[in-house]
Amino acid sequence: MMTLDADVADRLRALARERGLSLKQTVNMVLRRGLDEGQRVPFRVEARVLDLRPGIDLDQALELAARLEDDETVRKLELRK
């Protein structure tokens, strides 16, 4: 036999009502999910070289973005006047 803390029991009962399950089914589902969590394989992304199309210069793109941001800041400041 096992005794649950009141807050845990309340959360399990609420989840059981939400899902239309018995308390036993809910406890088993939650325990399985918790036990399986440690067995998951971490998500990994393989790095690769970013090949840009010929003629694309990221420095110019960043300069353009900075100018556009500056223009927007000036516009917003002028609206305050």
PDB file of N, CA and C in Angstrom:
ATOM      1  N   MET A   1       0.841  -1.179   0.000  1.00  0.00           N
ATOM      2  CA  MET A   1       0.000   0.000   0.000  1.00  0.00           C
ATOM      3  C   MET A   1       0.887   1.243   0.000  1.00  0.00           C
ATOM      4  N   MET A   2       0.404   2.296  -0.615  1.00  0.00           N
ATOM      5  CA  MET A   2       1.165   3.530  -0.709  1.00  0.00           C
ATOM      6  C   MET A   2       0.247   4.695  -0.374  1.00  0.00           C
ATOM      7  N   THR A   3       0.805   5.678   0.305  1.00  0.00           N
ATOM      8  CA  THR A   3       0.049   6.881   0.636  1.00  0.00           C
ATOM      9  C   THR A   3       0.587   8.030  -0.200  1.00  0.00           C
ATOM     10  N   LEU A   4      -0.316   8.756  -0.865  1.00  0.00           N
ATOM     11  CA  LEU A   4       0.078   9.891  -1.693  1.00  0.00           C
ATOM     12  C   LEU A   4      -0.074  11.181  -0.908  1.00  0.00           C
ATOM     13  N   ASP A   5       0.780  12.135  -1.187  1.00  0.00           N
ATOM     14  CA  ASP A   5       0.598  13.470  -0.613  1.00  0.00           C
ATOM     15  C   ASP A   5      -0.711  14.039  -1.154  1.00  0.00           C
ATOM     16  N   ALA A   6      -1.358  14.857  -0.346  1.00  0.00           N
ATOM     17  CA  ALA A   6      -2.684  15.386  -0.696  1.00  0.00           C
ATOM     18  C   ALA A   6      -2.665  16.152  -2.018  1.00  0.00           C
ATOM     19  N   ASP A   7      -1.632  16.965  -2.239  1.00  0.00           N
ATOM     20  CA  ASP A   7      -1.588  17.749  -3.471  1.00  0.00           C
ATOM     21  C   ASP A   7      -1.427  16.860  -4.699  1.00  0.00           C
ATOM     22  N   VAL A   8      -0.653  15.784  -4.563  1.00  0.00           N
ATOM     23  CA  VAL A   8      -0.454  14.855  -5.678  1.00  0.00           C
ATOM     24  C   VAL A   8      -1.752  14.100  -5.965  1.00  0.00           C
ATOM     25  N   ALA A   9      -2.417  13.650  -4.920  1.00  0.00           N
ATOM     26  CA  ALA A   9      -3.679  12.933  -5.088  1.00  0.00           C
ATOM     27  C   ALA A   9      -4.717  13.822  -5.756  1.00  0.00           C
ATOM     28  N   ASP A  10      -4.766  15.093  -5.352  1.00  0.00           N
ATOM     29  CA  ASP A  10      -5.718  16.031  -5.961  1.00  0.00           C
ATOM     30  C   ASP A  10      -5.432  16.209  -7.447  1.00  0.00           C
ATOM     31  N   ARG A  11      -4.160  16.336  -7.787  1.00  0.00           N
ATOM     32  CA  ARG A  11      -3.796  16.519  -9.199  1.00  0.00           C
ATOM     33  C   ARG A  11      -4.120  15.278 -10.015  1.00  0.00           C
ATOM     34  N   LEU A  12      -3.883  14.101  -9.432  1.00  0.00           N
ATOM     35  CA  LEU A  12      -4.197  12.856 -10.142  1.00  0.00           C
ATOM     36  C   LEU A  12      -5.700  12.716 -10.351  1.00  0.00           C
ATOM     37  N   ARG A  13      -6.485  13.031  -9.318  1.00  0.00           N
ATOM     38  CA  ARG A  13      -7.955  12.943  -9.462  1.00  0.00           C
ATOM     39  C   ARG A  13      -8.455  13.915 -10.533  1.00  0.00           C
ATOM     40  N   ALA A  14      -7.908  15.117 -10.538  1.00  0.00           N
ATOM     41  CA  ALA A  14      -8.316  16.110 -11.539  1.00  0.00           C
ATOM     42  C   ALA A  14      -7.961  15.625 -12.942  1.00  0.00           C
ATOM     43  N   LEU A  15      -6.768  15.065 -13.097  1.00  0.00           N
ATOM     44  CA  LEU A  15      -6.356  14.550 -14.396  1.00  0.00           C
ATOM     45  C   LEU A  15      -7.232  13.380 -14.823  1.00  0.00           C
ATOM     46  N   ALA A  16      -7.594  12.519 -13.875  1.00  0.00           N
ATOM     47  CA  ALA A  16      -8.471  11.380 -14.181  1.00  0.00           C
ATOM     48  C   ALA A  16      -9.823  11.868 -14.675  1.00  0.00           C
ATOM     49  N   ARG A  17     -10.375  12.885 -14.001  1.00  0.00           N
ATOM     50  CA  ARG A  17     -11.668  13.450 -14.442  1.00  0.00           C
ATOM     51  C   ARG A  17     -11.547  14.052 -15.833  1.00  0.00           C
ATOM     52  N   GLU A  18     -10.461  14.806 -16.042  1.00  0.00           N
ATOM     53  CA  GLU A  18     -10.222  15.453 -17.329  1.00  0.00           C
ATOM     54  C   GLU A  18     -10.173  14.449 -18.476  1.00  0.00           C
ATOM     55  N   ARG A  19      -9.488  13.349 -18.241  1.00  0.00           N
ATOM     56  CA  ARG A  19      -9.273  12.350 -19.284  1.00  0.00           C
ATOM     57  C   ARG A  19     -10.348  11.270 -19.320  1.00  0.00           C
ATOM     58  N   GLY A  20     -11.253  11.273 -18.334  1.00  0.00           N
ATOM     59  CA  GLY A  20     -12.284  10.240 -18.289  1.00  0.00           C
ATOM     60  C   GLY A  20     -11.723   8.867 -17.957  1.00  0.00           C
ATOM     61  N   LEU A  21     -10.690   8.830 -17.132  1.00  0.00           N
ATOM     62  CA  LEU A  21     -10.041   7.587 -16.753  1.00  0.00           C
ATOM     63  C   LEU A  21     -10.275   7.309 -15.271  1.00  0.00           C
ATOM     64  N   SER A  22     -10.013   6.058 -14.891  1.00  0.00           N
ATOM     65  CA  SER A  22     -10.057   5.738 -13.465  1.00  0.00           C
ATOM     66  C   SER A  22      -8.793   6.284 -12.811  1.00  0.00           C
ATOM     67  N   LEU A  23      -8.816   6.382 -11.490  1.00  0.00           N
ATOM     68  CA  LEU A  23      -7.642   6.852 -10.772  1.00  0.00           C
ATOM     69  C   LEU A  23      -6.475   5.885 -10.984  1.00  0.00           C
ATOM     70  N   LYS A  24      -6.754   4.586 -10.987  1.00  0.00           N
ATOM     71  CA  LYS A  24      -5.712   3.578 -11.194  1.00  0.00           C
ATOM     72  C   LYS A  24      -5.060   3.753 -12.569  1.00  0.00           C
ATOM     73  N   GLN A  25      -5.889   3.928 -13.602  1.00  0.00           N
ATOM     74  CA  GLN A  25      -5.350   4.124 -14.957  1.00  0.00           C
ATOM     75  C   GLN A  25      -4.486   5.385 -15.017  1.00  0.00           C
ATOM     76  N   THR A  26      -4.946   6.425 -14.367  1.00  0.00           N
ATOM     77  CA  THR A  26      -4.229   7.697 -14.388  1.00  0.00           C
ATOM     78  C   THR A  26      -2.889   7.582 -13.674  1.00  0.00           C
ATOM     79  N   VAL A  27      -2.884   6.948 -12.495  1.00  0.00           N
ATOM     80  CA  VAL A  27      -1.632   6.780 -11.750  1.00  0.00           C
ATOM     81  C   VAL A  27      -0.640   5.972 -12.578  1.00  0.00           C
ATOM     82  N   ASN A  28      -1.087   4.885 -13.185  1.00  0.00           N
ATOM     83  CA  ASN A  28      -0.197   4.067 -14.008  1.00  0.00           C
ATOM     84  C   ASN A  28       0.328   4.838 -15.214  1.00  0.00           C
ATOM     85  N   MET A  29      -0.527   5.615 -15.865  1.00  0.00           N
ATOM     86  CA  MET A  29      -0.110   6.402 -17.023  1.00  0.00           C
ATOM     87  C   MET A  29       0.972   7.403 -16.629  1.00  0.00           C
ATOM     88  N   VAL A  30       0.743   8.115 -15.518  1.00  0.00           N
ATOM     89  CA  VAL A  30       1.697   9.133 -15.075  1.00  0.00           C
ATOM     90  C   VAL A  30       3.019   8.488 -14.655  1.00  0.00           C
ATOM     91  N   LEU A  31       2.952   7.377 -13.951  1.00  0.00           N
ATOM     92  CA  LEU A  31       4.176   6.681 -13.548  1.00  0.00           C
ATOM     93  C   LEU A  31       4.958   6.177 -14.758  1.00  0.00           C
ATOM     94  N   ARG A  32       4.261   5.596 -15.731  1.00  0.00           N
ATOM     95  CA  ARG A  32       4.953   5.124 -16.943  1.00  0.00           C
ATOM     96  C   ARG A  32       5.648   6.269 -17.659  1.00  0.00           C
ATOM     97  N   ARG A  33       4.917   7.380 -17.781  1.00  0.00           N
ATOM     98  CA  ARG A  33       5.482   8.540 -18.472  1.00  0.00           C
ATOM     99  C   ARG A  33       6.734   9.031 -17.741  1.00  0.00           C
ATOM    100  N   GLY A  34       6.670   9.094 -16.427  1.00  0.00           N
ATOM    101  CA  GLY A  34       7.821   9.534 -15.645  1.00  0.00           C
ATOM    102  C   GLY A  34       8.987   8.582 -15.741  1.00  0.00           C
ATOM    103  N   LEU A  35       8.710   7.284 -15.716  1.00  0.00           N
ATOM    104  CA  LEU A  35       9.782   6.297 -15.803  1.00  0.00           C
ATOM    105  C   LEU A  35      10.418   6.275 -17.191  1.00  0.00           C
ATOM    106  N   ASP A  36       9.611   6.491 -18.222  1.00  0.00           N
ATOM    107  CA  ASP A  36      10.130   6.488 -19.596  1.00  0.00           C
ATOM    108  C   ASP A  36      10.943   7.732 -19.908  1.00  0.00           C
ATOM    109  N   GLU A  37      10.680   8.807 -19.185  1.00  0.00           N
ATOM    110  CA  GLU A  37      11.322  10.084 -19.482  1.00  0.00           C
ATOM    111  C   GLU A  37      12.841   9.988 -19.439  1.00  0.00           C
ATOM    112  N   GLY A  38      13.384   9.272 -18.492  1.00  0.00           N
ATOM    113  CA  GLY A  38      14.828   9.150 -18.378  1.00  0.00           C
ATOM    114  C   GLY A  38      15.449   8.301 -19.466  1.00  0.00           C
ATOM    115  N   GLN A  39      14.642   7.581 -20.229  1.00  0.00           N
ATOM    116  CA  GLN A  39      15.149   6.679 -21.253  1.00  0.00           C
ATOM    117  C   GLN A  39      15.120   7.298 -22.647  1.00  0.00           C
ATOM    118  N   ARG A  40      14.667   8.521 -22.744  1.00  0.00           N
ATOM    119  CA  ARG A  40      14.573   9.165 -24.058  1.00  0.00           C
ATOM    120  C   ARG A  40      15.953   9.506 -24.595  1.00  0.00           C
ATOM    121  N   VAL A  41      16.082   9.391 -25.886  1.00  0.00           N
ATOM    122  CA  VAL A  41      17.327   9.755 -26.561  1.00  0.00           C
ATOM    123  C   VAL A  41      17.302  11.269 -26.774  1.00  0.00           C
ATOM    124  N   PRO A  42      18.360  11.970 -26.388  1.00  0.00           N
ATOM    125  CA  PRO A  42      18.354  13.422 -26.565  1.00  0.00           C
ATOM    126  C   PRO A  42      18.264  13.807 -28.049  1.00  0.00           C
ATOM    127  N   PHE A  43      17.559  14.887 -28.309  1.00  0.00           N
ATOM    128  CA  PHE A  43      17.416  15.406 -29.662  1.00  0.00           C
ATOM    129  C   PHE A  43      18.725  16.075 -30.068  1.00  0.00           C
ATOM    130  N   ARG A  44      19.232  15.720 -31.223  1.00  0.00           N
ATOM    131  CA  ARG A  44      20.487  16.300 -31.699  1.00  0.00           C
ATOM    132  C   ARG A  44      20.309  16.825 -33.126  1.00  0.00           C
ATOM    133  N   VAL A  45      20.963  17.926 -33.377  1.00  0.00           N
ATOM    134  CA  VAL A  45      20.961  18.505 -34.720  1.00  0.00           C
ATOM    135  C   VAL A  45      22.391  18.479 -35.223  1.00  0.00           C
ATOM    136  N   GLU A  46      22.557  17.957 -36.405  1.00  0.00           N
ATOM    137  CA  GLU A  46      23.888  17.884 -36.988  1.00  0.00           C
ATOM    138  C   GLU A  46      24.225  19.217 -37.653  1.00  0.00           C
ATOM    139  N   ALA A  47      25.358  19.776 -37.264  1.00  0.00           N
ATOM    140  CA  ALA A  47      25.786  21.053 -37.842  1.00  0.00           C
ATOM    141  C   ALA A  47      26.296  20.829 -39.256  1.00  0.00           C
ATOM    142  N   ARG A  48      26.063  21.812 -40.101  1.00  0.00           N
ATOM    143  CA  ARG A  48      26.595  21.735 -41.456  1.00  0.00           C
ATOM    144  C   ARG A  48      26.895  23.137 -41.962  1.00  0.00           C
ATOM    145  N   VAL A  49      27.688  23.208 -42.978  1.00  0.00           N
ATOM    146  CA  VAL A  49      28.115  24.484 -43.541  1.00  0.00           C
ATOM    147  C   VAL A  49      26.936  25.133 -44.261  1.00  0.00           C
ATOM    148  N   LEU A  50      26.785  26.429 -44.050  1.00  0.00           N
ATOM    149  CA  LEU A  50      25.725  27.178 -44.717  1.00  0.00           C
ATOM    150  C   LEU A  50      26.279  27.724 -46.027  1.00  0.00           C
ATOM    151  N   ASP A  51      25.849  27.135 -47.119  1.00  0.00           N
ATOM    152  CA  ASP A  51      26.305  27.600 -48.428  1.00  0.00           C
ATOM    153  C   ASP A  51      25.345  28.666 -48.934  1.00  0.00           C
ATOM    154  N   LEU A  52      25.854  29.875 -49.067  1.00  0.00           N
ATOM    155  CA  LEU A  52      25.041  30.979 -49.576  1.00  0.00           C
ATOM    156  C   LEU A  52      25.109  31.018 -51.091  1.00  0.00           C
ATOM    157  N   ARG A  53      24.074  31.545 -51.657  1.00  0.00           N
ATOM    158  CA  ARG A  53      24.079  31.710 -53.113  1.00  0.00           C
ATOM    159  C   ARG A  53      25.118  32.751 -53.508  1.00  0.00           C
ATOM    160  N   PRO A  54      25.694  32.588 -54.665  1.00  0.00           N
ATOM    161  CA  PRO A  54      26.686  33.578 -55.118  1.00  0.00           C
ATOM    162  C   PRO A  54      26.068  34.973 -55.155  1.00  0.00           C
ATOM    163  N   GLY A  55      26.826  35.967 -54.697  1.00  0.00           N
ATOM    164  CA  GLY A  55      26.357  37.342 -54.743  1.00  0.00           C
ATOM    165  C   GLY A  55      25.637  37.789 -53.482  1.00  0.00           C
ATOM    166  N   ILE A  56      25.344  36.885 -52.570  1.00  0.00           N
ATOM    167  CA  ILE A  56      24.675  37.270 -51.324  1.00  0.00           C
ATOM    168  C   ILE A  56      25.743  37.591 -50.295  1.00  0.00           C
ATOM    169  N   ASP A  57      25.670  38.805 -49.763  1.00  0.00           N
ATOM    170  CA  ASP A  57      26.648  39.263 -48.784  1.00  0.00           C
ATOM    171  C   ASP A  57      25.908  39.543 -47.482  1.00  0.00           C
ATOM    172  N   LEU A  58      26.175  38.734 -46.475  1.00  0.00           N
ATOM    173  CA  LEU A  58      25.472  38.896 -45.206  1.00  0.00           C
ATOM    174  C   LEU A  58      25.807  40.219 -44.526  1.00  0.00           C
ATOM    175  N   ASP A  59      27.005  40.749 -44.749  1.00  0.00           N
ATOM    176  CA  ASP A  59      27.359  42.044 -44.163  1.00  0.00           C
ATOM    177  C   ASP A  59      26.427  43.133 -44.670  1.00  0.00           C
ATOM    178  N   GLN A  60      26.119  43.103 -45.959  1.00  0.00           N
ATOM    179  CA  GLN A  60      25.204  44.106 -46.517  1.00  0.00           C
ATOM    180  C   GLN A  60      23.796  43.911 -45.975  1.00  0.00           C
ATOM    181  N   ALA A  61      23.389  42.681 -45.779  1.00  0.00           N
ATOM    182  CA  ALA A  61      22.058  42.417 -45.245  1.00  0.00           C
ATOM    183  C   ALA A  61      21.938  42.952 -43.822  1.00  0.00           C
ATOM    184  N   LEU A  62      22.993  42.777 -43.034  1.00  0.00           N
ATOM    185  CA  LEU A  62      22.974  43.284 -41.660  1.00  0.00           C
ATOM    186  C   LEU A  62      22.963  44.806 -41.622  1.00  0.00           C
ATOM    187  N   GLU A  63      23.701  45.422 -42.529  1.00  0.00           N
ATOM    188  CA  GLU A  63      23.696  46.888 -42.617  1.00  0.00           C
ATOM    189  C   GLU A  63      22.313  47.398 -42.997  1.00  0.00           C
ATOM    190  N   LEU A  64      21.669  46.740 -43.944  1.00  0.00           N
ATOM    191  CA  LEU A  64      20.328  47.135 -44.354  1.00  0.00           C
ATOM    192  C   LEU A  64      19.353  46.991 -43.187  1.00  0.00           C
ATOM    193  N   ALA A  65      19.449  45.887 -42.457  1.00  0.00           N
ATOM    194  CA  ALA A  65      18.559  45.672 -41.313  1.00  0.00           C
ATOM    195  C   ALA A  65      18.778  46.754 -40.260  1.00  0.00           C
ATOM    196  N   ALA A  66      20.024  47.137 -40.026  1.00  0.00           N
ATOM    197  CA  ALA A  66      20.321  48.184 -39.043  1.00  0.00           C
ATOM    198  C   ALA A  66      19.742  49.523 -39.491  1.00  0.00           C
ATOM    199  N   ARG A  67      19.869  49.833 -40.773  1.00  0.00           N
ATOM    200  CA  ARG A  67      19.306  51.101 -41.288  1.00  0.00           C
ATOM    201  C   ARG A  67      17.796  51.118 -41.159  1.00  0.00           C
ATOM    202  N   LEU A  68      17.158  49.996 -41.503  1.00  0.00           N
ATOM    203  CA  LEU A  68      15.704  49.925 -41.389  1.00  0.00           C
ATOM    204  C   LEU A  68      15.255  50.079 -39.934  1.00  0.00           C
ATOM    205  N   GLU A  69      16.008  49.476 -39.028  1.00  0.00           N
ATOM    206  CA  GLU A  69      15.679  49.600 -37.602  1.00  0.00           C
ATOM    207  C   GLU A  69      15.844  51.048 -37.145  1.00  0.00           C
ATOM    208  N   ASP A  70      16.916  51.691 -37.584  1.00  0.00           N
ATOM    209  CA  ASP A  70      17.131  53.096 -37.235  1.00  0.00           C
ATOM    210  C   ASP A  70      16.005  53.971 -37.772  1.00  0.00           C
ATOM    211  N   ASP A  71      15.606  53.762 -39.022  1.00  0.00           N
ATOM    212  CA  ASP A  71      14.517  54.531 -39.617  1.00  0.00           C
ATOM    213  C   ASP A  71      13.228  54.360 -38.823  1.00  0.00           C
ATOM    214  N   GLU A  72      12.950  53.135 -38.374  1.00  0.00           N
ATOM    215  CA  GLU A  72      11.731  52.874 -37.605  1.00  0.00           C
ATOM    216  C   GLU A  72      11.788  53.567 -36.249  1.00  0.00           C
ATOM    217  N   THR A  73      12.966  53.583 -35.633  1.00  0.00           N
ATOM    218  CA  THR A  73      13.125  54.263 -34.342  1.00  0.00           C
ATOM    219  C   THR A  73      12.882  55.751 -34.504  1.00  0.00           C
ATOM    220  N   VAL A  74      13.442  56.345 -35.547  1.00  0.00           N
ATOM    221  CA  VAL A  74      13.234  57.771 -35.819  1.00  0.00           C
ATOM    222  C   VAL A  74      11.752  58.032 -36.054  1.00  0.00           C
ATOM    223  N   ARG A  75      11.088  57.187 -36.821  1.00  0.00           N
ATOM    224  CA  ARG A  75       9.658  57.381 -37.099  1.00  0.00           C
ATOM    225  C   ARG A  75       8.845  57.372 -35.812  1.00  0.00           C
ATOM    226  N   LYS A  76       9.142  56.432 -34.918  1.00  0.00           N
ATOM    227  CA  LYS A  76       8.404  56.334 -33.656  1.00  0.00           C
ATOM    228  C   LYS A  76       8.664  57.547 -32.767  1.00  0.00           C
ATOM    229  N   LEU A  77       9.920  58.045 -32.778  1.00  0.00           N
ATOM    230  CA  LEU A  77      10.234  59.229 -31.977  1.00  0.00           C
ATOM    231  C   LEU A  77       9.511  60.451 -32.517  1.00  0.00           C
ATOM    232  N   GLU A  78       9.377  60.546 -33.829  1.00  0.00           N
ATOM    233  CA  GLU A  78       8.680  61.697 -34.415  1.00  0.00           C
ATOM    234  C   GLU A  78       7.194  61.670 -34.099  1.00  0.00           C
ATOM    235  N   LEU A  79       6.625  60.484 -33.926  1.00  0.00           N
ATOM    236  CA  LEU A  79       5.210  60.374 -33.581  1.00  0.00           C
ATOM    237  C   LEU A  79       4.928  60.888 -32.168  1.00  0.00           C
ATOM    238  N   ARG A  80       5.919  60.861 -31.312  1.00  0.00           N
ATOM    239  CA  ARG A  80       5.751  61.340 -29.934  1.00  0.00           C
ATOM    240  C   ARG A  80       5.653  62.848 -29.841  1.00  0.00           C
ATOM    241  N   LYS A  81       6.151  63.562 -30.844  1.00  0.00           N
ATOM    242  CA  LYS A  81       6.179  65.042 -30.804  1.00  0.00           C
ATOM    243  C   LYS A  81       4.787  65.617 -30.822  1.00  0.00           C
TER     244      LYS A  81
END
